[in-house]
Amino acid sequence: MNVYDEAHSLAKAIKESNEFIEFDKVRKEVENDKEVSEMIADMQKLQLELQAAQISGTEPAQDLMNRIQSLSTMMATKPLAAKFLQSEAAFSVMMNDVFKIIGEAMGV
């Protein structure tokens, strides 16, 4: 068994999964909608700021939390944004499961 061949097979299986196909389709739709694309980029930036605060052990600034809440509310009114977040979450769950399976097989 060649590990690299197996890795290519896994990559192919992931690309052919319903989770990836749906995520990729919606991601392309988002790329064609400037408003939703900017909202998602802004949300990702704010989430990184939140994660940085959490990792450093500091309380996230209230302003940051307010901006996340406000943007979340705006995104909820955009069906494409909600669809993107749902498909992204489903794909992330699948990928986390794959990483967990590989990690458990390695004993880590």
PDB file of N, CA and C in Angstrom:
ATOM      1  N   MET A   1       0.844  -1.186   0.000  1.00  0.00           N
ATOM      2  CA  MET A   1       0.000   0.000   0.000  1.00  0.00           C
ATOM      3  C   MET A   1       0.884   1.241   0.000  1.00  0.00           C
ATOM      4  N   ASN A   2       0.630   2.122  -0.945  1.00  0.00           N
ATOM      5  CA  ASN A   2       1.378   3.360  -1.042  1.00  0.00           C
ATOM      6  C   ASN A   2       0.559   4.473  -0.378  1.00  0.00           C
ATOM      7  N   VAL A   3       1.141   5.090   0.628  1.00  0.00           N
ATOM      8  CA  VAL A   3       0.448   6.129   1.390  1.00  0.00           C
ATOM      9  C   VAL A   3       0.006   7.274   0.479  1.00  0.00           C
ATOM     10  N   TYR A   4       0.832   7.647  -0.469  1.00  0.00           N
ATOM     11  CA  TYR A   4       0.494   8.761  -1.349  1.00  0.00           C
ATOM     12  C   TYR A   4      -0.689   8.419  -2.252  1.00  0.00           C
ATOM     13  N   ASP A   5      -0.741   7.184  -2.719  1.00  0.00           N
ATOM     14  CA  ASP A   5      -1.890   6.764  -3.526  1.00  0.00           C
ATOM     15  C   ASP A   5      -3.169   6.811  -2.687  1.00  0.00           C
ATOM     16  N   GLU A   6      -3.062   6.372  -1.440  1.00  0.00           N
ATOM     17  CA  GLU A   6      -4.225   6.400  -0.546  1.00  0.00           C
ATOM     18  C   GLU A   6      -4.656   7.842  -0.263  1.00  0.00           C
ATOM     19  N   ALA A   7      -3.684   8.739  -0.117  1.00  0.00           N
ATOM     20  CA  ALA A   7      -4.005  10.144   0.123  1.00  0.00           C
ATOM     21  C   ALA A   7      -4.735  10.732  -1.085  1.00  0.00           C
ATOM     22  N   HIS A   8      -4.292  10.373  -2.271  1.00  0.00           N
ATOM     23  CA  HIS A   8      -4.971  10.845  -3.482  1.00  0.00           C
ATOM     24  C   HIS A   8      -6.387  10.269  -3.564  1.00  0.00           C
ATOM     25  N   SER A   9      -6.546   9.020  -3.152  1.00  0.00           N
ATOM     26  CA  SER A   9      -7.883   8.410  -3.145  1.00  0.00           C
ATOM     27  C   SER A   9      -8.796   9.125  -2.145  1.00  0.00           C
ATOM     28  N   LEU A  10      -8.252   9.457  -0.985  1.00  0.00           N
ATOM     29  CA  LEU A  10      -9.033  10.186   0.017  1.00  0.00           C
ATOM     30  C   LEU A  10      -9.423  11.564  -0.511  1.00  0.00           C
ATOM     31  N   ALA A  11      -8.482  12.248  -1.133  1.00  0.00           N
ATOM     32  CA  ALA A  11      -8.784  13.570  -1.693  1.00  0.00           C
ATOM     33  C   ALA A  11      -9.889  13.472  -2.745  1.00  0.00           C
ATOM     34  N   LYS A  12      -9.826  12.453  -3.569  1.00  0.00           N
ATOM     35  CA  LYS A  12     -10.860  12.242  -4.594  1.00  0.00           C
ATOM     36  C   LYS A  12     -12.210  11.966  -3.940  1.00  0.00           C
ATOM     37  N   ALA A  13     -12.224  11.146  -2.902  1.00  0.00           N
ATOM     38  CA  ALA A  13     -13.469  10.836  -2.206  1.00  0.00           C
ATOM     39  C   ALA A  13     -14.060  12.094  -1.567  1.00  0.00           C
ATOM     40  N   ILE A  14     -13.202  12.936  -1.019  1.00  0.00           N
ATOM     41  CA  ILE A  14     -13.678  14.185  -0.410  1.00  0.00           C
ATOM     42  C   ILE A  14     -14.271  15.089  -1.485  1.00  0.00           C
ATOM     43  N   LYS A  15     -13.576  15.226  -2.617  1.00  0.00           N
ATOM     44  CA  LYS A  15     -14.078  16.068  -3.703  1.00  0.00           C
ATOM     45  C   LYS A  15     -15.408  15.566  -4.251  1.00  0.00           C
ATOM     46  N   GLU A  16     -15.649  14.263  -4.165  1.00  0.00           N
ATOM     47  CA  GLU A  16     -16.880  13.675  -4.685  1.00  0.00           C
ATOM     48  C   GLU A  16     -17.983  13.592  -3.627  1.00  0.00           C
ATOM     49  N   SER A  17     -17.672  14.004  -2.396  1.00  0.00           N
ATOM     50  CA  SER A  17     -18.670  13.936  -1.321  1.00  0.00           C
ATOM     51  C   SER A  17     -19.755  14.990  -1.527  1.00  0.00           C
ATOM     52  N   ASN A  18     -20.950  14.679  -1.056  1.00  0.00           N
ATOM     53  CA  ASN A  18     -22.060  15.633  -1.143  1.00  0.00           C
ATOM     54  C   ASN A  18     -21.724  16.924  -0.411  1.00  0.00           C
ATOM     55  N   GLU A  19     -21.032  16.801   0.726  1.00  0.00           N
ATOM     56  CA  GLU A  19     -20.691  17.980   1.526  1.00  0.00           C
ATOM     57  C   GLU A  19     -19.798  18.937   0.733  1.00  0.00           C
ATOM     58  N   PHE A  20     -18.784  18.390   0.065  1.00  0.00           N
ATOM     59  CA  PHE A  20     -17.883  19.255  -0.690  1.00  0.00           C
ATOM     60  C   PHE A  20     -18.572  19.809  -1.927  1.00  0.00           C
ATOM     61  N   ILE A  21     -19.321  18.964  -2.627  1.00  0.00           N
ATOM     62  CA  ILE A  21     -19.992  19.415  -3.848  1.00  0.00           C
ATOM     63  C   ILE A  21     -20.932  20.579  -3.542  1.00  0.00           C
ATOM     64  N   GLU A  22     -21.715  20.455  -2.477  1.00  0.00           N
ATOM     65  CA  GLU A  22     -22.636  21.533  -2.100  1.00  0.00           C
ATOM     66  C   GLU A  22     -21.866  22.781  -1.674  1.00  0.00           C
ATOM     67  N   PHE A  23     -20.835  22.607  -0.853  1.00  0.00           N
ATOM     68  CA  PHE A  23     -20.042  23.749  -0.396  1.00  0.00           C
ATOM     69  C   PHE A  23     -19.401  24.464  -1.578  1.00  0.00           C
ATOM     70  N   ASP A  24     -18.830  23.711  -2.505  1.00  0.00           N
ATOM     71  CA  ASP A  24     -18.163  24.294  -3.669  1.00  0.00           C
ATOM     72  C   ASP A  24     -19.161  25.050  -4.543  1.00  0.00           C
ATOM     73  N   LYS A  25     -20.347  24.482  -4.724  1.00  0.00           N
ATOM     74  CA  LYS A  25     -21.392  25.126  -5.524  1.00  0.00           C
ATOM     75  C   LYS A  25     -21.805  26.461  -4.895  1.00  0.00           C
ATOM     76  N   VAL A  26     -22.055  26.440  -3.601  1.00  0.00           N
ATOM     77  CA  VAL A  26     -22.488  27.664  -2.917  1.00  0.00           C
ATOM     78  C   VAL A  26     -21.350  28.678  -2.860  1.00  0.00           C
ATOM     79  N   ARG A  27     -20.142  28.202  -2.669  1.00  0.00           N
ATOM     80  CA  ARG A  27     -18.980  29.109  -2.633  1.00  0.00           C
ATOM     81  C   ARG A  27     -18.859  29.871  -3.955  1.00  0.00           C
ATOM     82  N   LYS A  28     -19.107  29.189  -5.067  1.00  0.00           N
ATOM     83  CA  LYS A  28     -19.054  29.849  -6.374  1.00  0.00           C
ATOM     84  C   LYS A  28     -20.188  30.863  -6.527  1.00  0.00           C
ATOM     85  N   GLU A  29     -21.359  30.549  -5.988  1.00  0.00           N
ATOM     86  CA  GLU A  29     -22.471  31.506  -6.014  1.00  0.00           C
ATOM     87  C   GLU A  29     -22.107  32.749  -5.209  1.00  0.00           C
ATOM     88  N   VAL A  30     -21.474  32.549  -4.068  1.00  0.00           N
ATOM     89  CA  VAL A  30     -21.078  33.667  -3.208  1.00  0.00           C
ATOM     90  C   VAL A  30     -20.065  34.551  -3.923  1.00  0.00           C
ATOM     91  N   GLU A  31     -19.147  33.948  -4.659  1.00  0.00           N
ATOM     92  CA  GLU A  31     -18.136  34.726  -5.386  1.00  0.00           C
ATOM     93  C   GLU A  31     -18.782  35.691  -6.377  1.00  0.00           C
ATOM     94  N   ASN A  32     -19.979  35.358  -6.847  1.00  0.00           N
ATOM     95  CA  ASN A  32     -20.676  36.202  -7.817  1.00  0.00           C
ATOM     96  C   ASN A  32     -21.619  37.212  -7.167  1.00  0.00           C
ATOM     97  N   ASP A  33     -21.672  37.235  -5.856  1.00  0.00           N
ATOM     98  CA  ASP A  33     -22.526  38.180  -5.127  1.00  0.00           C
ATOM     99  C   ASP A  33     -21.616  39.014  -4.221  1.00  0.00           C
ATOM    100  N   LYS A  34     -21.276  40.203  -4.694  1.00  0.00           N
ATOM    101  CA  LYS A  34     -20.300  41.035  -3.986  1.00  0.00           C
ATOM    102  C   LYS A  34     -20.715  41.331  -2.548  1.00  0.00           C
ATOM    103  N   GLU A  35     -21.991  41.648  -2.350  1.00  0.00           N
ATOM    104  CA  GLU A  35     -22.459  42.003  -1.009  1.00  0.00           C
ATOM    105  C   GLU A  35     -22.305  40.835  -0.037  1.00  0.00           C
ATOM    106  N   VAL A  36     -22.770  39.669  -0.433  1.00  0.00           N
ATOM    107  CA  VAL A  36     -22.677  38.491   0.440  1.00  0.00           C
ATOM    108  C   VAL A  36     -21.216  38.091   0.623  1.00  0.00           C
ATOM    109  N   SER A  37     -20.447  38.164  -0.439  1.00  0.00           N
ATOM    110  CA  SER A  37     -19.025  37.820  -0.360  1.00  0.00           C
ATOM    111  C   SER A  37     -18.304  38.704   0.658  1.00  0.00           C
ATOM    112  N   GLU A  38     -18.598  39.989   0.628  1.00  0.00           N
ATOM    113  CA  GLU A  38     -17.971  40.917   1.587  1.00  0.00           C
ATOM    114  C   GLU A  38     -18.441  40.641   3.014  1.00  0.00           C
ATOM    115  N   MET A  39     -19.718  40.316   3.169  1.00  0.00           N
ATOM    116  CA  MET A  39     -20.248  40.006   4.505  1.00  0.00           C
ATOM    117  C   MET A  39     -19.533  38.783   5.080  1.00  0.00           C
ATOM    118  N   ILE A  40     -19.371  37.772   4.261  1.00  0.00           N
ATOM    119  CA  ILE A  40     -18.720  36.540   4.721  1.00  0.00           C
ATOM    120  C   ILE A  40     -17.259  36.811   5.059  1.00  0.00           C
ATOM    121  N   ALA A  41     -16.578  37.586   4.219  1.00  0.00           N
ATOM    122  CA  ALA A  41     -15.174  37.926   4.494  1.00  0.00           C
ATOM    123  C   ALA A  41     -15.063  38.714   5.796  1.00  0.00           C
ATOM    124  N   ASP A  42     -15.981  39.651   6.014  1.00  0.00           N
ATOM    125  CA  ASP A  42     -15.975  40.429   7.254  1.00  0.00           C
ATOM    126  C   ASP A  42     -16.219  39.523   8.464  1.00  0.00           C
ATOM    127  N   MET A  43     -17.171  38.595   8.323  1.00  0.00           N
ATOM    128  CA  MET A  43     -17.468  37.679   9.435  1.00  0.00           C
ATOM    129  C   MET A  43     -16.259  36.796   9.740  1.00  0.00           C
ATOM    130  N   GLN A  44     -15.596  36.306   8.720  1.00  0.00           N
ATOM    131  CA  GLN A  44     -14.415  35.471   8.942  1.00  0.00           C
ATOM    132  C   GLN A  44     -13.323  36.257   9.657  1.00  0.00           C
ATOM    133  N   LYS A  45     -13.159  37.529   9.290  1.00  0.00           N
ATOM    134  CA  LYS A  45     -12.164  38.380   9.952  1.00  0.00           C
ATOM    135  C   LYS A  45     -12.517  38.576  11.427  1.00  0.00           C
ATOM    136  N   LEU A  46     -13.793  38.854  11.688  1.00  0.00           N
ATOM    137  CA  LEU A  46     -14.231  39.047  13.075  1.00  0.00           C
ATOM    138  C   LEU A  46     -14.083  37.760  13.889  1.00  0.00           C
ATOM    139  N   GLN A  47     -14.386  36.623  13.281  1.00  0.00           N
ATOM    140  CA  GLN A  47     -14.237  35.348  13.981  1.00  0.00           C
ATOM    141  C   GLN A  47     -12.772  35.073  14.319  1.00  0.00           C
ATOM    142  N   LEU A  48     -11.859  35.452  13.423  1.00  0.00           N
ATOM    143  CA  LEU A  48     -10.429  35.299  13.723  1.00  0.00           C
ATOM    144  C   LEU A  48     -10.023  36.181  14.902  1.00  0.00           C
ATOM    145  N   GLU A  49     -10.547  37.392  14.940  1.00  0.00           N
ATOM    146  CA  GLU A  49     -10.268  38.283  16.071  1.00  0.00           C
ATOM    147  C   GLU A  49     -10.787  37.669  17.368  1.00  0.00           C
ATOM    148  N   LEU A  50     -11.985  37.105  17.317  1.00  0.00           N
ATOM    149  CA  LEU A  50     -12.574  36.464  18.494  1.00  0.00           C
ATOM    150  C   LEU A  50     -11.731  35.275  18.938  1.00  0.00           C
ATOM    151  N   GLN A  51     -11.318  34.444  17.989  1.00  0.00           N
ATOM    152  CA  GLN A  51     -10.483  33.287  18.324  1.00  0.00           C
ATOM    153  C   GLN A  51      -9.144  33.716  18.911  1.00  0.00           C
ATOM    154  N   ALA A  52      -8.555  34.782  18.371  1.00  0.00           N
ATOM    155  CA  ALA A  52      -7.281  35.283  18.897  1.00  0.00           C
ATOM    156  C   ALA A  52      -7.443  35.721  20.348  1.00  0.00           C
ATOM    157  N   ALA A  53      -8.538  36.391  20.647  1.00  0.00           N
ATOM    158  CA  ALA A  53      -8.800  36.824  22.028  1.00  0.00           C
ATOM    159  C   ALA A  53      -8.982  35.609  22.927  1.00  0.00           C
ATOM    160  N   GLN A  54      -9.727  34.610  22.467  1.00  0.00           N
ATOM    161  CA  GLN A  54      -9.966  33.414  23.268  1.00  0.00           C
ATOM    162  C   GLN A  54      -8.671  32.648  23.517  1.00  0.00           C
ATOM    163  N   ILE A  55      -7.834  32.537  22.489  1.00  0.00           N
ATOM    164  CA  ILE A  55      -6.565  31.810  22.624  1.00  0.00           C
ATOM    165  C   ILE A  55      -5.642  32.521  23.603  1.00  0.00           C
ATOM    166  N   SER A  56      -5.662  33.857  23.552  1.00  0.00           N
ATOM    167  CA  SER A  56      -4.781  34.611  24.447  1.00  0.00           C
ATOM    168  C   SER A  56      -5.316  34.660  25.875  1.00  0.00           C
ATOM    169  N   GLY A  57      -6.541  34.178  26.055  1.00  0.00           N
ATOM    170  CA  GLY A  57      -7.115  34.141  27.392  1.00  0.00           C
ATOM    171  C   GLY A  57      -7.731  35.444  27.837  1.00  0.00           C
ATOM    172  N   THR A  58      -7.891  36.378  26.907  1.00  0.00           N
ATOM    173  CA  THR A  58      -8.504  37.655  27.264  1.00  0.00           C
ATOM    174  C   THR A  58      -9.985  37.643  26.895  1.00  0.00           C
ATOM    175  N   GLU A  59     -10.726  38.448  27.597  1.00  0.00           N
ATOM    176  CA  GLU A  59     -12.152  38.587  27.315  1.00  0.00           C
ATOM    177  C   GLU A  59     -12.309  39.369  26.013  1.00  0.00           C
ATOM    178  N   PRO A  60     -13.085  38.841  25.061  1.00  0.00           N
ATOM    179  CA  PRO A  60     -13.290  39.596  23.807  1.00  0.00           C
ATOM    180  C   PRO A  60     -13.944  40.940  24.093  1.00  0.00           C
ATOM    181  N   ALA A  61     -13.518  41.956  23.375  1.00  0.00           N
ATOM    182  CA  ALA A  61     -14.071  43.293  23.553  1.00  0.00           C
ATOM    183  C   ALA A  61     -15.559  43.288  23.224  1.00  0.00           C
ATOM    184  N   GLN A  62     -16.318  44.053  23.972  1.00  0.00           N
ATOM    185  CA  GLN A  62     -17.759  44.135  23.735  1.00  0.00           C
ATOM    186  C   GLN A  62     -18.048  44.658  22.336  1.00  0.00           C
ATOM    187  N   ASP A  63     -17.216  45.573  21.853  1.00  0.00           N
ATOM    188  CA  ASP A  63     -17.382  46.103  20.506  1.00  0.00           C
ATOM    189  C   ASP A  63     -17.285  44.981  19.469  1.00  0.00           C
ATOM    190  N   LEU A  64     -16.346  44.081  19.660  1.00  0.00           N
ATOM    191  CA  LEU A  64     -16.190  42.946  18.750  1.00  0.00           C
ATOM    192  C   LEU A  64     -17.434  42.071  18.781  1.00  0.00           C
ATOM    193  N   MET A  65     -17.918  41.788  19.967  1.00  0.00           N
ATOM    194  CA  MET A  65     -19.108  40.957  20.098  1.00  0.00           C
ATOM    195  C   MET A  65     -20.323  41.641  19.459  1.00  0.00           C
ATOM    196  N   ASN A  66     -20.429  42.956  19.615  1.00  0.00           N
ATOM    197  CA  ASN A  66     -21.526  43.708  18.999  1.00  0.00           C
ATOM    198  C   ASN A  66     -21.447  43.660  17.474  1.00  0.00           C
ATOM    199  N   ARG A  67     -20.227  43.801  16.941  1.00  0.00           N
ATOM    200  CA  ARG A  67     -20.060  43.760  15.485  1.00  0.00           C
ATOM    201  C   ARG A  67     -20.407  42.373  14.938  1.00  0.00           C
ATOM    202  N   ILE A  68     -20.013  41.321  15.657  1.00  0.00           N
ATOM    203  CA  ILE A  68     -20.348  39.953  15.235  1.00  0.00           C
ATOM    204  C   ILE A  68     -21.856  39.764  15.254  1.00  0.00           C
ATOM    205  N   GLN A  69     -22.513  40.212  16.321  1.00  0.00           N
ATOM    206  CA  GLN A  69     -23.966  40.072  16.431  1.00  0.00           C
ATOM    207  C   GLN A  69     -24.678  40.834  15.318  1.00  0.00           C
ATOM    208  N   SER A  70     -24.242  42.049  15.067  1.00  0.00           N
ATOM    209  CA  SER A  70     -24.863  42.876  14.032  1.00  0.00           C
ATOM    210  C   SER A  70     -24.700  42.238  12.651  1.00  0.00           C
ATOM    211  N   LEU A  71     -23.501  41.782  12.362  1.00  0.00           N
ATOM    212  CA  LEU A  71     -23.250  41.158  11.063  1.00  0.00           C
ATOM    213  C   LEU A  71     -24.016  39.842  10.934  1.00  0.00           C
ATOM    214  N   SER A  72     -24.109  39.090  12.011  1.00  0.00           N
ATOM    215  CA  SER A  72     -24.878  37.843  11.996  1.00  0.00           C
ATOM    216  C   SER A  72     -26.343  38.116  11.672  1.00  0.00           C
ATOM    217  N   THR A  73     -26.866  39.162  12.254  1.00  0.00           N
ATOM    218  CA  THR A  73     -28.263  39.541  12.003  1.00  0.00           C
ATOM    219  C   THR A  73     -28.451  39.919  10.535  1.00  0.00           C
ATOM    220  N   MET A  74     -27.531  40.698  10.004  1.00  0.00           N
ATOM    221  CA  MET A  74     -27.608  41.090   8.594  1.00  0.00           C
ATOM    222  C   MET A  74     -27.507  39.877   7.683  1.00  0.00           C
ATOM    223  N   MET A  75     -26.605  38.956   8.019  1.00  0.00           N
ATOM    224  CA  MET A  75     -26.409  37.770   7.189  1.00  0.00           C
ATOM    225  C   MET A  75     -27.642  36.867   7.206  1.00  0.00           C
ATOM    226  N   ALA A  76     -28.349  36.868   8.315  1.00  0.00           N
ATOM    227  CA  ALA A  76     -29.544  36.028   8.426  1.00  0.00           C
ATOM    228  C   ALA A  76     -30.625  36.469   7.442  1.00  0.00           C
ATOM    229  N   THR A  77     -30.560  37.710   6.995  1.00  0.00           N
ATOM    230  CA  THR A  77     -31.555  38.200   6.036  1.00  0.00           C
ATOM    231  C   THR A  77     -31.182  37.858   4.598  1.00  0.00           C
ATOM    232  N   LYS A  78     -30.003  37.302   4.408  1.00  0.00           N
ATOM    233  CA  LYS A  78     -29.521  36.955   3.070  1.00  0.00           C
ATOM    234  C   LYS A  78     -29.527  35.429   2.926  1.00  0.00           C
ATOM    235  N   PRO A  79     -30.468  34.888   2.174  1.00  0.00           N
ATOM    236  CA  PRO A  79     -30.545  33.427   2.035  1.00  0.00           C
ATOM    237  C   PRO A  79     -29.239  32.786   1.545  1.00  0.00           C
ATOM    238  N   LEU A  80     -28.526  33.454   0.632  1.00  0.00           N
ATOM    239  CA  LEU A  80     -27.274  32.889   0.130  1.00  0.00           C
ATOM    240  C   LEU A  80     -26.223  32.816   1.231  1.00  0.00           C
ATOM    241  N   ALA A  81     -26.170  33.821   2.089  1.00  0.00           N
ATOM    242  CA  ALA A  81     -25.214  33.808   3.199  1.00  0.00           C
ATOM    243  C   ALA A  81     -25.523  32.661   4.149  1.00  0.00           C
ATOM    244  N   ALA A  82     -26.797  32.485   4.470  1.00  0.00           N
ATOM    245  CA  ALA A  82     -27.191  31.388   5.355  1.00  0.00           C
ATOM    246  C   ALA A  82     -26.876  30.033   4.721  1.00  0.00           C
ATOM    247  N   LYS A  83     -27.141  29.924   3.437  1.00  0.00           N
ATOM    248  CA  LYS A  83     -26.854  28.678   2.708  1.00  0.00           C
ATOM    249  C   LYS A  83     -25.348  28.383   2.728  1.00  0.00           C
ATOM    250  N   PHE A  84     -24.547  29.434   2.543  1.00  0.00           N
ATOM    251  CA  PHE A  84     -23.091  29.262   2.579  1.00  0.00           C
ATOM    252  C   PHE A  84     -22.643  28.773   3.947  1.00  0.00           C
ATOM    253  N   LEU A  85     -23.123  29.428   5.000  1.00  0.00           N
ATOM    254  CA  LEU A  85     -22.714  29.045   6.349  1.00  0.00           C
ATOM    255  C   LEU A  85     -23.116  27.606   6.663  1.00  0.00           C
ATOM    256  N   GLN A  86     -24.293  27.195   6.213  1.00  0.00           N
ATOM    257  CA  GLN A  86     -24.745  25.814   6.444  1.00  0.00           C
ATOM    258  C   GLN A  86     -23.882  24.819   5.690  1.00  0.00           C
ATOM    259  N   SER A  87     -23.589  25.116   4.427  1.00  0.00           N
ATOM    260  CA  SER A  87     -22.782  24.178   3.639  1.00  0.00           C
ATOM    261  C   SER A  87     -21.341  24.146   4.143  1.00  0.00           C
ATOM    262  N   GLU A  88     -20.832  25.286   4.570  1.00  0.00           N
ATOM    263  CA  GLU A  88     -19.481  25.342   5.132  1.00  0.00           C
ATOM    264  C   GLU A  88     -19.401  24.522   6.420  1.00  0.00           C
ATOM    265  N   ALA A  89     -20.423  24.637   7.248  1.00  0.00           N
ATOM    266  CA  ALA A  89     -20.457  23.887   8.509  1.00  0.00           C
ATOM    267  C   ALA A  89     -20.514  22.392   8.255  1.00  0.00           C
ATOM    268  N   ALA A  90     -21.331  21.967   7.306  1.00  0.00           N
ATOM    269  CA  ALA A  90     -21.439  20.537   6.990  1.00  0.00           C
ATOM    270  C   ALA A  90     -20.112  20.004   6.468  1.00  0.00           C
ATOM    271  N   PHE A  91     -19.452  20.774   5.606  1.00  0.00           N
ATOM    272  CA  PHE A  91     -18.146  20.359   5.078  1.00  0.00           C
ATOM    273  C   PHE A  91     -17.113  20.312   6.200  1.00  0.00           C
ATOM    274  N   SER A  92     -17.140  21.290   7.089  1.00  0.00           N
ATOM    275  CA  SER A  92     -16.191  21.322   8.209  1.00  0.00           C
ATOM    276  C   SER A  92     -16.380  20.133   9.145  1.00  0.00           C
ATOM    277  N   VAL A  93     -17.633  19.766   9.400  1.00  0.00           N
ATOM    278  CA  VAL A  93     -17.901  18.599  10.256  1.00  0.00           C
ATOM    279  C   VAL A  93     -17.304  17.346   9.620  1.00  0.00           C
ATOM    280  N   MET A  94     -17.537  17.181   8.313  1.00  0.00           N
ATOM    281  CA  MET A  94     -16.993  16.011   7.631  1.00  0.00           C
ATOM    282  C   MET A  94     -15.460  15.996   7.715  1.00  0.00           C
ATOM    283  N   MET A  95     -14.830  17.128   7.449  1.00  0.00           N
ATOM    284  CA  MET A  95     -13.362  17.182   7.477  1.00  0.00           C
ATOM    285  C   MET A  95     -12.840  16.935   8.892  1.00  0.00           C
ATOM    286  N   ASN A  96     -13.503  17.485   9.899  1.00  0.00           N
ATOM    287  CA  ASN A  96     -13.088  17.227  11.283  1.00  0.00           C
ATOM    288  C   ASN A  96     -13.200  15.744  11.612  1.00  0.00           C
ATOM    289  N   ASP A  97     -14.252  15.101  11.127  1.00  0.00           N
ATOM    290  CA  ASP A  97     -14.408  13.662  11.344  1.00  0.00           C
ATOM    291  C   ASP A  97     -13.272  12.880  10.683  1.00  0.00           C
ATOM    292  N   VAL A  98     -12.900  13.284   9.471  1.00  0.00           N
ATOM    293  CA  VAL A  98     -11.796  12.618   8.763  1.00  0.00           C
ATOM    294  C   VAL A  98     -10.497  12.793   9.548  1.00  0.00           C
ATOM    295  N   PHE A  99     -10.222  14.017   9.999  1.00  0.00           N
ATOM    296  CA  PHE A  99      -9.000  14.260  10.779  1.00  0.00           C
ATOM    297  C   PHE A  99      -9.015  13.461  12.078  1.00  0.00           C
ATOM    298  N   LYS A 100     -10.177  13.358  12.701  1.00  0.00           N
ATOM    299  CA  LYS A 100     -10.301  12.586  13.936  1.00  0.00           C
ATOM    300  C   LYS A 100     -10.013  11.110  13.677  1.00  0.00           C
ATOM    301  N   ILE A 101     -10.556  10.571  12.618  1.00  0.00           N
ATOM    302  CA  ILE A 101     -10.328   9.158  12.276  1.00  0.00           C
ATOM    303  C   ILE A 101      -8.845   8.903  12.039  1.00  0.00           C
ATOM    304  N   ILE A 102      -8.211   9.792  11.307  1.00  0.00           N
ATOM    305  CA  ILE A 102      -6.774   9.623  11.034  1.00  0.00           C
ATOM    306  C   ILE A 102      -5.978   9.764  12.331  1.00  0.00           C
ATOM    307  N   GLY A 103      -6.311  10.747  13.137  1.00  0.00           N
ATOM    308  CA  GLY A 103      -5.619  10.943  14.411  1.00  0.00           C
ATOM    309  C   GLY A 103      -5.752   9.754  15.332  1.00  0.00           C
ATOM    310  N   GLU A 104      -6.976   9.206  15.421  1.00  0.00           N
ATOM    311  CA  GLU A 104      -7.199   8.038  16.276  1.00  0.00           C
ATOM    312  C   GLU A 104      -6.423   6.827  15.770  1.00  0.00           C
ATOM    313  N   ALA A 105      -6.328   6.689  14.449  1.00  0.00           N
ATOM    314  CA  ALA A 105      -5.566   5.576  13.890  1.00  0.00           C
ATOM    315  C   ALA A 105      -4.085   5.692  14.215  1.00  0.00           C
ATOM    316  N   MET A 106      -3.616   6.945  14.379  1.00  0.00           N
ATOM    317  CA  MET A 106      -2.205   7.183  14.708  1.00  0.00           C
ATOM    318  C   MET A 106      -1.944   7.187  16.203  1.00  0.00           C
ATOM    319  N   GLY A 107      -3.033   7.152  16.979  1.00  0.00           N
ATOM    320  CA  GLY A 107      -2.892   7.179  18.432  1.00  0.00           C
ATOM    321  C   GLY A 107      -2.614   8.548  18.996  1.00  0.00           C
ATOM    322  N   VAL A 108      -3.044   9.579  18.261  1.00  0.00           N
ATOM    323  CA  VAL A 108      -2.840  10.962  18.755  1.00  0.00           C
ATOM    324  C   VAL A 108      -4.156  11.638  19.003  1.00  0.00           C
TER     325      VAL A 108
END
